[in-house]
Protein backbone atom coordinates (compact mmCIF):
# COMPACT_ATOMS: atom_id res chain seq x y z
CA MET A 1 -8.47 -26.70 -38.74
CA ASP A 2 -4.79 -25.96 -38.86
CA LEU A 3 -3.00 -28.56 -36.87
CA PHE A 4 -0.14 -27.98 -34.56
CA THR A 5 0.61 -29.67 -31.40
CA PHE A 6 0.41 -29.00 -27.69
CA ILE A 7 3.34 -30.86 -26.09
CA SER A 8 2.39 -32.31 -22.70
CA LEU A 9 6.11 -32.47 -21.94
CA LEU A 10 6.38 -35.83 -20.20
CA ALA A 11 8.48 -38.90 -20.75
CA ALA A 12 7.36 -42.31 -21.94
CA ILE A 13 5.53 -44.28 -19.27
CA THR A 14 6.71 -47.84 -19.02
CA THR A 15 4.09 -50.11 -17.40
CA GLY A 16 2.57 -53.30 -18.52
CA ALA A 17 -20.94 -17.42 -20.60
CA ARG A 18 -21.09 -18.75 -17.08
CA ALA A 19 -21.49 -17.36 -13.63
CA VAL A 20 -18.32 -17.39 -11.58
CA PRO A 21 -18.54 -20.45 -9.31
CA ILE A 22 -17.80 -20.11 -5.64
CA ALA A 23 -14.65 -21.74 -4.31
CA GLY A 24 -15.05 -25.50 -4.10
CA GLU A 25 -17.61 -25.62 -6.87
CA LEU A 26 -16.83 -27.41 -10.13
CA GLU A 27 -17.31 -25.50 -13.34
CA SER A 28 -17.74 -27.64 -16.43
CA THR A 29 -18.08 -26.40 -19.98
CA LYS A 30 -19.93 -28.11 -22.80
CA PRO A 31 -18.24 -31.16 -24.31
CA SER A 32 -16.73 -30.61 -27.73
CA SER A 33 -19.46 -30.62 -30.37
CA VAL A 34 -19.35 -32.62 -33.58
CA PRO A 35 -17.43 -30.68 -36.25
CA PRO A 36 -19.78 -28.88 -38.66
CA ALA A 37 -20.41 -30.51 -42.00
CA ASP A 38 -19.54 -27.26 -43.77
CA LEU A 39 -15.75 -27.37 -43.96
CA ASN A 40 -15.68 -23.59 -44.45
CA GLN A 41 -16.75 -23.21 -40.84
CA LYS A 42 -14.01 -23.29 -38.24
CA GLU A 43 -13.78 -22.65 -34.55
CA ARG A 44 -12.12 -19.33 -33.76
CA ILE A 45 -11.00 -17.51 -30.63
CA ILE A 46 -11.97 -13.83 -30.49
CA LEU A 47 -10.27 -11.59 -27.92
CA LEU A 48 -11.57 -8.04 -27.45
CA THR A 49 -9.83 -4.75 -26.76
CA ASP A 50 -9.53 -3.62 -23.15
CA ASP A 51 -12.22 -0.94 -23.64
CA CYS A 52 -14.81 -3.56 -24.67
CA PRO A 53 -15.62 -5.54 -21.49
CA HIS A 54 -18.82 -7.18 -22.72
CA PRO A 55 -18.42 -10.06 -25.22
CA GLU A 56 -22.20 -10.28 -25.59
CA ALA A 57 -22.31 -6.93 -27.42
CA VAL A 58 -19.96 -8.17 -30.13
CA MET A 59 -21.64 -11.58 -30.24
CA GLU A 60 -25.09 -10.03 -30.79
CA ARG A 61 -23.70 -7.95 -33.64
CA MET A 62 -22.79 -11.23 -35.34
CA GLY A 63 -26.02 -13.01 -34.43
CA PHE A 64 -24.31 -15.18 -31.80
CA HIS A 65 -25.84 -16.07 -28.44
CA SER A 66 -24.26 -17.95 -25.55
CA ASN A 67 -26.94 -20.67 -25.66
CA GLN A 68 -26.09 -21.63 -29.25
CA THR A 69 -24.08 -24.81 -29.75
CA LYS A 70 -21.70 -22.99 -32.10
CA VAL A 71 -20.62 -20.76 -29.22
CA ARG A 72 -18.02 -22.79 -27.32
CA HIS A 73 -16.96 -20.36 -24.61
CA THR A 74 -17.31 -16.79 -23.44
CA PHE A 75 -14.37 -15.21 -21.62
CA SER A 76 -15.12 -12.51 -19.05
CA ASN A 77 -12.62 -11.77 -16.31
CA SER A 78 -10.62 -8.85 -15.00
CA ALA A 79 -7.77 -9.46 -17.44
CA PHE A 80 -9.31 -10.26 -20.84
CA HIS A 81 -12.67 -10.65 -22.59
CA GLY A 82 -13.90 -12.50 -25.65
CA PHE A 83 -15.48 -15.69 -26.89
CA ALA A 84 -14.87 -18.80 -28.98
CA ALA A 85 -17.31 -19.88 -31.66
CA THR A 86 -17.61 -21.82 -34.90
CA MET A 87 -18.07 -19.49 -37.89
CA HIS A 88 -17.49 -18.92 -41.60
CA GLY A 89 -14.37 -17.16 -42.84
CA ASP A 90 -16.45 -14.15 -43.87
CA ALA A 91 -17.66 -13.74 -40.31
CA ALA A 92 -14.07 -13.93 -39.07
CA LYS A 93 -13.06 -11.18 -41.49
CA GLU A 94 -15.98 -9.04 -40.36
CA LEU A 95 -14.86 -9.46 -36.74
CA GLU A 96 -11.24 -8.60 -37.63
CA ALA A 97 -12.47 -5.29 -39.08
CA MET A 98 -14.21 -4.27 -35.84
CA SER A 99 -12.40 -1.66 -33.76
CA ASP A 100 -13.23 -3.42 -30.48
CA VAL A 101 -11.77 -6.78 -31.58
CA ALA A 102 -8.09 -7.25 -30.74
CA GLN A 103 -7.49 -10.78 -31.97
CA VAL A 104 -9.22 -13.36 -34.18
CA GLU A 105 -7.39 -16.66 -34.22
CA GLU A 106 -8.36 -20.10 -35.49
CA ALA A 107 -8.52 -22.61 -32.65
CA VAL A 108 -5.95 -25.37 -32.93
CA ASP A 109 -6.14 -29.08 -32.21
CA VAL A 110 -3.90 -30.08 -29.35
CA GLU A 111 -2.35 -33.35 -28.34
CA SER A 112 0.42 -34.46 -26.06
CA LEU A 113 3.75 -35.88 -27.18
CA LEU A 114 5.88 -38.14 -25.01
CA ALA A 115 9.36 -36.84 -24.35
CA LYS A 116 12.23 -39.11 -25.26
CA GLN A 117 14.37 -40.35 -22.37
CA ASP A 118 17.61 -42.26 -22.09
CA THR A 119 17.02 -43.48 -18.54
CA ARG A 120 14.50 -45.90 -17.11
CA GLU A 121 11.89 -44.22 -15.04
CA ASP A 122 11.58 -41.08 -12.92
CA THR A 123 12.06 -40.40 -9.18
CA THR A 124 11.95 -37.62 -6.62
CA TRP A 125 15.58 -37.00 -5.86
CA GLY A 126 14.59 -33.48 -6.96
CA LEU A 127 13.46 -32.22 -3.57
CA GLN A 128 16.88 -32.90 -2.06
CA ARG A 129 18.64 -31.24 -4.98
CA MET A 130 16.62 -28.04 -4.74
CA SER A 131 17.42 -27.81 -1.02
CA SER A 132 21.09 -28.71 -1.41
CA LYS A 133 24.22 -27.13 -2.81
CA THR A 134 25.64 -30.42 -4.03
CA THR A 135 24.80 -32.91 -6.75
CA VAL A 136 22.64 -35.80 -5.55
CA ARG A 137 24.40 -39.13 -5.02
CA GLY A 138 22.76 -42.50 -4.70
CA ASP A 139 19.92 -44.44 -6.23
CA PRO A 140 17.67 -41.94 -8.02
CA TYR A 141 14.73 -44.32 -7.78
CA ALA A 142 14.82 -44.74 -4.03
CA LEU A 143 12.60 -42.55 -1.88
CA GLN A 144 15.35 -41.96 0.63
CA TYR A 145 16.38 -38.32 0.21
CA THR A 146 16.02 -35.40 2.58
CA TYR A 147 14.01 -32.31 1.76
CA GLU A 148 14.94 -29.37 3.98
CA TYR A 149 13.01 -26.14 4.28
CA ALA A 150 13.10 -23.09 6.55
CA ASP A 151 9.39 -22.36 6.91
CA ASP A 152 6.84 -25.06 7.73
CA ASN A 153 4.00 -23.05 6.15
CA LEU A 154 4.88 -24.92 2.96
CA GLY A 155 2.46 -23.04 0.72
CA GLY A 156 -0.37 -22.70 3.23
CA GLY A 157 -3.04 -20.30 1.94
CA VAL A 158 -1.80 -20.49 -1.67
CA ASP A 159 -3.99 -21.83 -4.47
CA ILE A 160 -2.10 -23.77 -7.15
CA TYR A 161 -4.05 -24.22 -10.39
CA VAL A 162 -2.69 -27.14 -12.40
CA VAL A 163 -3.78 -26.45 -15.99
CA ASP A 164 -3.42 -29.93 -17.41
CA SER A 165 -5.30 -33.24 -17.75
CA GLY A 166 -7.08 -33.10 -14.39
CA ILE A 167 -6.14 -34.41 -10.94
CA TYR A 168 -6.88 -37.72 -9.22
CA THR A 169 -8.04 -35.89 -6.10
CA GLN A 170 -8.59 -39.07 -4.06
CA HIS A 171 -4.85 -39.74 -3.86
CA GLN A 172 -3.85 -39.88 -0.21
CA ALA A 173 -0.77 -37.74 -0.82
CA PHE A 174 -3.03 -34.71 -1.30
CA GLY A 175 -4.64 -35.15 2.11
CA GLY A 176 -7.95 -33.66 1.00
CA ARG A 177 -6.34 -30.43 -0.30
CA ALA A 178 -6.96 -31.21 -3.98
CA ARG A 179 -10.17 -30.60 -5.92
CA MET A 180 -11.29 -30.22 -9.50
CA GLY A 181 -12.35 -26.71 -10.44
CA PHE A 182 -12.81 -26.65 -14.21
CA SER A 183 -13.19 -29.20 -16.95
CA PHE A 184 -13.67 -28.66 -20.67
CA MET A 185 -15.76 -31.83 -20.71
CA LYS A 186 -18.22 -33.59 -18.41
CA ASP A 187 -15.64 -36.23 -17.46
CA THR A 188 -13.56 -34.56 -14.75
CA THR A 189 -11.23 -37.50 -14.06
CA ASP A 190 -7.54 -37.58 -14.96
CA GLY A 191 -7.44 -40.40 -17.48
CA TYR A 192 -3.97 -39.41 -18.65
CA GLY A 193 -2.04 -39.22 -15.36
CA HIS A 194 0.04 -36.20 -16.30
CA GLY A 195 -1.92 -33.61 -14.32
CA THR A 196 -1.95 -35.75 -11.17
CA HIS A 197 1.81 -36.26 -11.41
CA VAL A 198 2.47 -32.53 -11.85
CA ALA A 199 0.16 -31.67 -8.94
CA GLY A 200 1.94 -34.21 -6.75
CA THR A 201 5.36 -32.68 -7.30
CA ALA A 202 4.00 -29.21 -6.63
CA ALA A 203 2.04 -29.96 -3.48
CA ALA A 204 1.76 -33.61 -2.34
CA ALA A 205 2.56 -34.51 1.26
CA VAL A 206 5.36 -36.99 0.53
CA PHE A 207 7.02 -35.77 -2.65
CA GLY A 208 5.57 -32.27 -3.01
CA VAL A 209 7.45 -29.01 -2.52
CA ALA A 210 4.51 -27.06 -1.05
CA SER A 211 2.68 -29.73 0.91
CA ASN A 212 0.21 -27.37 2.58
CA ALA A 213 -0.96 -25.55 -0.55
CA ASN A 214 -4.41 -25.99 -2.06
CA VAL A 215 -4.42 -27.75 -5.44
CA ILE A 216 -7.12 -27.08 -8.05
CA GLY A 217 -7.36 -29.09 -11.24
CA VAL A 218 -8.09 -27.19 -14.45
CA LYS A 219 -8.72 -29.87 -17.05
CA VAL A 220 -7.95 -28.78 -20.61
CA LEU A 221 -6.55 -32.09 -21.94
CA GLY A 222 -8.46 -35.35 -22.32
CA ALA A 223 -7.51 -38.93 -21.54
CA ASP A 224 -5.45 -39.05 -24.73
CA GLY A 225 -3.63 -35.83 -23.86
CA ALA A 226 -5.58 -33.94 -26.52
CA GLY A 227 -7.72 -30.82 -26.37
CA SER A 228 -8.27 -27.42 -27.97
CA SER A 229 -6.54 -24.10 -27.52
CA SER A 230 -9.93 -22.49 -26.96
CA ASP A 231 -10.52 -24.86 -24.03
CA THR A 232 -7.13 -23.83 -22.64
CA VAL A 233 -7.97 -20.13 -22.86
CA ALA A 234 -11.28 -20.94 -21.15
CA GLY A 235 -9.34 -22.69 -18.38
CA MET A 236 -7.21 -19.60 -17.86
CA ASP A 237 -10.35 -17.44 -17.84
CA TYR A 238 -11.61 -19.65 -14.98
CA VAL A 239 -8.35 -19.25 -13.04
CA ILE A 240 -8.38 -15.45 -13.25
CA ARG A 241 -12.02 -15.25 -12.14
CA GLN A 242 -11.38 -17.58 -9.22
CA HIS A 243 -8.29 -15.58 -8.24
CA ASP A 244 -10.32 -12.34 -8.24
CA ALA A 245 -13.06 -13.98 -6.18
CA GLN A 246 -10.58 -15.28 -3.61
CA LYS A 247 -8.92 -11.87 -3.30
CA ALA A 248 -12.30 -10.24 -2.70
CA LYS A 249 -13.15 -12.83 -0.06
CA GLY A 250 -9.90 -12.32 1.87
CA GLY A 251 -9.35 -14.60 4.85
CA ASP A 252 -6.17 -16.67 4.81
CA PHE A 253 -5.86 -16.50 1.01
CA LYS A 254 -2.25 -15.69 0.05
CA GLY A 255 -2.36 -15.81 -3.74
CA SER A 256 -2.65 -17.95 -6.88
CA ILE A 257 -0.22 -19.79 -9.14
CA MET A 258 -1.06 -21.13 -12.59
CA SER A 259 1.23 -24.09 -13.34
CA MET A 260 1.32 -25.11 -17.00
CA SER A 261 3.33 -28.10 -18.17
CA TRP A 262 2.47 -28.05 -21.87
CA GLY A 263 3.49 -26.18 -24.98
CA LEU A 264 2.91 -25.56 -28.66
CA LYS A 265 4.98 -26.26 -31.73
CA ASP A 266 4.50 -22.62 -32.74
CA VAL A 267 3.53 -19.26 -31.29
CA SER A 268 -0.11 -18.51 -30.45
CA PRO A 269 -1.02 -14.83 -29.91
CA SER A 270 -4.25 -15.80 -28.11
CA ILE A 271 -2.49 -18.15 -25.68
CA ASP A 272 0.24 -15.57 -25.10
CA LYS A 273 -2.25 -12.75 -24.49
CA ALA A 274 -4.21 -14.82 -21.97
CA ILE A 275 -1.06 -15.81 -20.04
CA LYS A 276 0.30 -12.26 -19.98
CA ALA A 277 -3.07 -10.96 -18.85
CA ALA A 278 -3.19 -13.52 -16.04
CA ALA A 279 0.25 -12.43 -14.79
CA LYS A 280 -0.69 -8.76 -14.98
CA SER A 281 -3.83 -9.53 -12.94
CA GLY A 282 -1.64 -10.89 -10.12
CA VAL A 283 -1.68 -14.62 -10.91
CA HIS A 284 1.83 -16.10 -10.71
CA VAL A 285 2.70 -18.22 -13.77
CA THR A 286 5.11 -21.08 -14.41
CA VAL A 287 5.48 -22.66 -17.86
CA ALA A 288 7.53 -25.60 -19.12
CA ALA A 289 10.38 -24.78 -21.51
CA GLY A 290 9.58 -27.66 -23.88
CA ASN A 291 10.95 -31.07 -24.76
CA SER A 292 12.26 -30.77 -28.32
CA GLY A 293 15.88 -29.96 -27.44
CA ASP A 294 15.37 -26.68 -29.27
CA ASP A 295 15.38 -22.95 -28.59
CA ALA A 296 12.72 -22.18 -25.97
CA CYS A 297 12.20 -18.79 -27.62
CA SER A 298 10.58 -20.40 -30.67
CA THR A 299 7.26 -21.59 -29.19
CA SER A 300 4.39 -20.65 -26.88
CA PRO A 301 4.29 -20.40 -23.98
CA SER A 302 7.99 -21.01 -23.23
CA HIS A 303 9.08 -17.95 -25.21
CA LEU A 304 7.31 -15.78 -22.61
CA GLY A 305 10.17 -16.49 -20.19
CA GLY A 306 13.49 -14.68 -19.98
CA SER A 307 13.96 -10.93 -19.85
CA GLU A 308 11.06 -10.20 -22.21
CA ASN A 309 8.56 -10.77 -19.39
CA ASP A 310 9.51 -10.14 -15.79
CA ASP A 311 6.46 -11.90 -14.34
CA ILE A 312 6.43 -15.31 -16.11
CA VAL A 313 8.88 -18.13 -15.26
CA SER A 314 9.93 -20.63 -17.94
CA VAL A 315 11.50 -23.85 -16.62
CA GLY A 316 14.01 -26.25 -18.19
CA ALA A 317 15.02 -29.71 -16.91
CA ILE A 318 18.21 -31.25 -15.49
CA ASN A 319 19.08 -34.84 -14.59
CA GLU A 320 20.65 -36.21 -11.40
CA ASP A 321 24.14 -35.09 -12.49
CA ASP A 322 23.06 -31.46 -12.94
CA SER A 323 23.34 -31.91 -16.70
CA ILE A 324 20.67 -30.31 -18.86
CA SER A 325 18.33 -33.07 -19.98
CA LYS A 326 18.77 -33.95 -23.65
CA PHE A 327 15.10 -33.29 -24.34
CA SER A 328 14.97 -29.90 -22.60
CA ASN A 329 14.67 -26.71 -24.60
CA THR A 330 17.28 -24.12 -23.72
CA GLY A 331 18.28 -20.54 -24.48
CA SER A 332 17.61 -17.01 -23.28
CA CYS A 333 13.90 -17.69 -22.70
CA VAL A 334 14.65 -20.33 -20.05
CA ASP A 335 14.68 -18.59 -16.68
CA ILE A 336 15.73 -21.50 -14.50
CA TYR A 337 16.37 -25.26 -14.47
CA ALA A 338 14.91 -27.77 -12.03
CA PRO A 339 14.99 -31.56 -11.59
CA GLY A 340 13.03 -33.09 -14.47
CA GLN A 341 14.27 -36.66 -14.95
CA ASN A 342 13.33 -39.69 -12.89
CA ILE A 343 10.74 -37.86 -10.80
CA VAL A 344 8.37 -40.01 -8.73
CA SER A 345 4.98 -38.53 -7.93
CA ALA A 346 1.31 -39.30 -7.45
CA TYR A 347 -0.52 -41.14 -10.20
CA PRO A 348 -4.11 -42.24 -10.87
CA GLY A 349 -5.20 -45.80 -10.16
CA ASN A 350 -5.73 -46.00 -6.45
CA PRO A 351 -5.02 -43.67 -3.50
CA ASN A 352 -1.43 -44.83 -3.03
CA THR A 353 -0.24 -45.27 -6.65
CA ILE A 354 3.05 -43.57 -7.54
CA HIS A 355 4.87 -43.45 -10.87
CA PRO A 356 8.10 -41.99 -12.30
CA LEU A 357 8.09 -39.61 -15.30
CA SER A 358 10.55 -37.28 -17.04
CA GLY A 359 10.17 -34.00 -18.87
CA THR A 360 10.21 -30.25 -18.43
CA SER A 361 6.65 -30.92 -17.23
CA MET A 362 8.19 -32.54 -14.16
CA ALA A 363 10.67 -29.68 -13.63
CA THR A 364 8.01 -26.96 -13.73
CA PRO A 365 6.06 -27.95 -10.57
CA HIS A 366 9.27 -27.86 -8.53
CA VAL A 367 9.36 -24.13 -9.28
CA THR A 368 5.61 -23.82 -8.71
CA GLY A 369 5.99 -25.35 -5.26
CA LEU A 370 8.88 -23.09 -4.24
CA MET A 371 6.90 -20.07 -5.38
CA ALA A 372 4.01 -21.19 -3.16
CA ASN A 373 6.34 -21.60 -0.17
CA LEU A 374 7.75 -18.09 -0.62
CA MET A 375 4.27 -16.62 -1.10
CA SER A 376 2.94 -18.17 2.11
CA GLY A 377 5.66 -16.44 4.14
CA ASP A 378 5.95 -13.05 2.41
CA SER A 379 2.92 -10.98 1.40
CA LYS A 380 5.00 -8.65 -0.78
CA LEU A 381 6.15 -11.59 -2.89
CA ALA A 382 2.65 -13.06 -2.89
CA ASN A 383 1.18 -9.85 -4.30
CA SER A 384 3.79 -9.30 -7.02
CA PRO A 385 4.62 -11.80 -9.79
CA VAL A 386 7.48 -9.50 -10.78
CA ALA A 387 9.01 -9.50 -7.29
CA LEU A 388 8.59 -13.26 -6.89
CA LYS A 389 10.26 -14.06 -10.20
CA ALA A 390 13.16 -11.81 -9.23
CA LYS A 391 13.44 -13.60 -5.88
CA ILE A 392 13.45 -17.06 -7.49
CA LEU A 393 16.28 -16.00 -9.81
CA GLU A 394 18.19 -14.32 -6.96
CA MET A 395 18.08 -17.52 -4.87
CA ALA A 396 19.12 -19.74 -7.78
CA GLU A 397 22.39 -21.64 -7.70
CA LYS A 398 24.93 -20.35 -10.20
CA GLY A 399 27.55 -22.45 -11.95
CA ALA A 400 26.04 -25.86 -11.19
CA VAL A 401 24.15 -26.57 -14.44
CA HIS A 402 26.19 -27.83 -17.37
CA GLY A 403 25.46 -28.82 -20.93
CA LYS A 404 25.11 -27.21 -24.35
CA THR A 405 22.47 -24.53 -24.74
CA TYR A 406 21.20 -21.97 -27.22
CA SER A 407 22.66 -18.51 -26.74
CA GLY A 408 21.74 -16.33 -23.79
CA ASP A 409 21.03 -19.17 -21.37
CA LYS A 410 22.07 -18.22 -17.81
CA LYS A 411 22.04 -21.84 -16.58
CA LEU A 412 20.48 -21.07 -13.21
CA LEU A 413 19.46 -23.96 -10.95
CA LEU A 414 16.41 -23.85 -8.68
CA SER A 415 17.29 -23.55 -4.99
CA ASN A 416 15.35 -22.77 -1.84
CA GLY A 417 18.50 -21.19 -0.43
CA LEU A 418 19.30 -23.82 2.20
CA THR A 419 22.50 -25.75 2.76
CA ASP A 420 23.19 -29.45 2.27
CA PRO A 421 20.83 -32.02 3.76
CA THR A 422 22.04 -33.67 6.96
CA GLY A 423 20.83 -37.17 6.18
CA THR A 424 19.45 -39.47 3.55
CA GLU A 425 15.98 -40.01 4.93
CA GLY A 426 13.48 -37.19 5.37
CA ILE A 427 9.97 -36.58 4.13
CA MET A 428 10.51 -39.04 1.27
CA GLY A 429 9.16 -42.54 1.65
CA ASP A 430 6.82 -45.20 0.40
CA ILE A 431 3.12 -44.47 0.28
CA SER A 432 1.33 -47.06 2.36
């Protein structure tokens, strides 16, 4: 299997075919099977054309059935269809020749990489910065900053899907609003910590931007930060189906956001197609720009940002001085920057554990949270990823971000449009 790497986009931690489940139900796929002994067999992702809505028809043509162990996933939602299975190269070529097959791609091994950092650990000065027009002053590690907001809905009615390593749902900062929805393996816990941290910044009560939003864990990375691209596409398939089900149900549902703090070292057509399809189906999407200090336009999914796609938001990271973080990717595919260094958030261990991390992973959920806040107060924005992206960019602070970038970078800074905080103590504080 060709190897390239999913970057989980966080900084070093210094310490010592399934039925659509109803909301609240956990969907779990089969654990990864043992690789076949025949090295000519490889796992591949097959995406079908829009006029072929039934993966089973193509699978039967090839002698595949959903109950076979070689069939890893079937994808069937309103945005894309297909399946993932282990097969010989000849079978892959036969599929490529079929008129109703749009994409045949070898699944890739994924693993996380820790982002380099020059500072100690991360903190949540970020909420004050995104609600202020001035650079943050003071101890970045102290939970003493003020987060100001105009609407106390704070994401109420919005479902945030954190496509990551899972969520420690028992953490008290989630107040019972977090649950696991999908896992590529039977173990649904967050053994890596990354997904819990991202979810906390997006929607926790103390350090979250949208502290009334619902948070759903979509586990596609294991305890070592590793997984498969086919599992990730399966996770997105789950999100789209859940979004469609919630829309049909109505009630107080405002909309869905898919927050993705990972990336590849290359471009993946299958990953790109799934993300674009999700956005076109009405799911709002945030992606991390990447941590290699490179051009964000060179890898998936960060290259989906910028003017090429008006419904996907790619996020870079700044530090406390409004300087672009040294690790952050830059360039025309970065839509906006957000606080991404020294960010304190929820962490697995016990219900009050917190931990600081850095990375564009930590910047992305700041944008996710603001999107949720805007969606909860404006149905037009909630129903249009295009309109919401435009609003986020319109509200952004201009001229504050500094640092070298690749060409075409607009250097916009995330802002909720409010003025300077009036004090130094607000919603931030110790978890007790």
